[in-house]
Amino acid sequence: MSQAESDDQARFDREMAVDRAAYEALRDQIRRDYQNQYVAIAFGKIVAVSPDFDEAVAAVKRLQPAPAHFLVFPADEGPLFEVVDALHTEWL
């Protein structure tokens, strides 16, 4: 792994930890205030709320600087933090 890749991974890991902590701190407020909407978290704060998933993602993509990590999720369900491996070799 190059130094740049290592730096990128470290930034991603830091931002993921900050976003996860932000969600944990804001979970009750998000579920109460944003029912039936999508919530976007980046840089440890809510950066967008929309009834449309694509609009929430678009709001994140407009951020400058661009986040290395962000979450977009239904407020009623919360984000997935674990990696889901949907591609299995037995299906190839």
Protein backbone atom coordinates (compact mmCIF):
# COMPACT_ATOMS: atom_id res chain seq x y z
CA MET A 1 0.00 0.00 0.00
CA SER A 2 1.37 3.40 -0.95
CA GLN A 3 1.61 6.28 1.51
CA ALA A 4 -1.26 8.07 -0.25
CA GLU A 5 -3.47 4.97 0.03
CA SER A 6 -2.53 4.61 3.67
CA ASP A 7 -3.39 8.27 4.33
CA ASP A 8 -6.72 7.88 2.49
CA GLN A 9 -7.59 4.81 4.54
CA ALA A 10 -6.70 6.57 7.78
CA ARG A 11 -8.89 9.55 6.83
CA PHE A 12 -11.76 7.22 5.91
CA ASP A 13 -11.43 5.35 9.21
CA ARG A 14 -11.38 8.61 11.22
CA GLU A 15 -14.43 10.01 9.44
CA MET A 16 -16.32 6.73 9.78
CA ALA A 17 -15.70 6.72 13.54
CA VAL A 18 -16.85 10.36 13.83
CA ASP A 19 -19.99 9.67 11.75
CA ARG A 20 -20.83 6.59 13.79
CA ALA A 21 -20.42 8.50 17.06
CA ALA A 22 -22.61 11.30 15.68
CA TYR A 23 -25.33 8.84 14.74
CA GLU A 24 -25.21 7.22 18.17
CA ALA A 25 -25.54 10.64 19.83
CA LEU A 26 -28.33 11.80 17.48
CA ARG A 27 -30.24 8.51 17.04
CA ASP A 28 -33.27 9.40 19.16
CA GLN A 29 -33.56 12.89 17.65
CA ILE A 30 -33.26 11.50 14.12
CA ARG A 31 -35.96 8.89 14.69
CA ARG A 32 -38.23 11.46 16.34
CA ASP A 33 -37.74 14.43 14.00
CA TYR A 34 -37.13 12.86 10.58
CA GLN A 35 -39.57 9.96 10.28
CA ASN A 36 -40.12 8.71 6.71
CA GLN A 37 -37.12 10.67 5.44
CA TYR A 38 -33.52 9.95 4.53
CA VAL A 39 -30.81 11.45 6.69
CA ALA A 40 -27.24 12.13 5.54
CA ILE A 41 -24.41 12.40 8.05
CA ALA A 42 -20.90 13.57 7.12
CA PHE A 43 -18.14 15.18 9.15
CA GLY A 44 -19.99 14.14 12.31
CA LYS A 45 -23.18 16.12 11.67
CA ILE A 46 -26.44 15.94 9.80
CA VAL A 47 -25.81 17.52 6.41
CA ALA A 48 -29.09 16.71 4.64
CA VAL A 49 -32.60 15.44 5.26
CA SER A 50 -34.89 14.55 2.36
CA PRO A 51 -37.84 12.33 1.55
CA ASP A 52 -35.80 11.16 -1.46
CA PHE A 53 -32.66 9.03 -1.12
CA ASP A 54 -31.07 10.42 -4.31
CA GLU A 55 -31.57 14.02 -3.14
CA ALA A 56 -29.84 13.25 0.17
CA VAL A 57 -26.91 11.66 -1.68
CA ALA A 58 -26.74 14.63 -4.08
CA ALA A 59 -26.52 17.01 -1.12
CA VAL A 60 -23.54 15.07 0.22
CA LYS A 61 -21.85 15.10 -3.20
CA ARG A 62 -22.07 18.90 -3.25
CA LEU A 63 -20.08 19.22 -0.02
CA GLN A 64 -16.67 20.85 -0.26
CA PRO A 65 -14.36 19.40 0.74
CA ALA A 66 -15.83 16.03 -0.15
CA PRO A 67 -16.10 13.63 2.78
CA ALA A 68 -14.11 10.41 2.70
CA HIS A 69 -17.02 8.73 4.52
CA PHE A 70 -20.70 9.53 4.84
CA LEU A 71 -23.97 7.85 5.75
CA VAL A 72 -27.36 8.10 4.02
CA PHE A 73 -30.10 6.06 5.63
CA PRO A 74 -33.83 5.93 6.41
CA ALA A 75 -34.35 7.75 9.70
CA ASP A 76 -36.69 5.04 10.93
CA GLU A 77 -34.12 2.28 10.42
CA GLY A 78 -30.72 3.81 10.97
CA PRO A 79 -27.55 3.13 9.00
CA LEU A 80 -25.75 -0.15 8.40
CA PHE A 81 -22.26 -0.06 9.82
CA GLU A 82 -21.19 -3.60 9.04
CA VAL A 83 -19.99 -4.46 5.56
CA VAL A 84 -22.44 -6.67 3.75
CA ASP A 85 -20.81 -9.04 1.29
CA ALA A 86 -23.52 -9.82 -1.24
CA LEU A 87 -21.29 -11.29 -3.91
CA HIS A 88 -20.35 -14.86 -3.17
CA THR A 89 -18.17 -16.97 -5.43
CA GLU A 90 -20.70 -19.80 -5.44
CA TRP A 91 -23.07 -17.48 -7.34
CA LEU A 92 -20.59 -16.81 -10.13
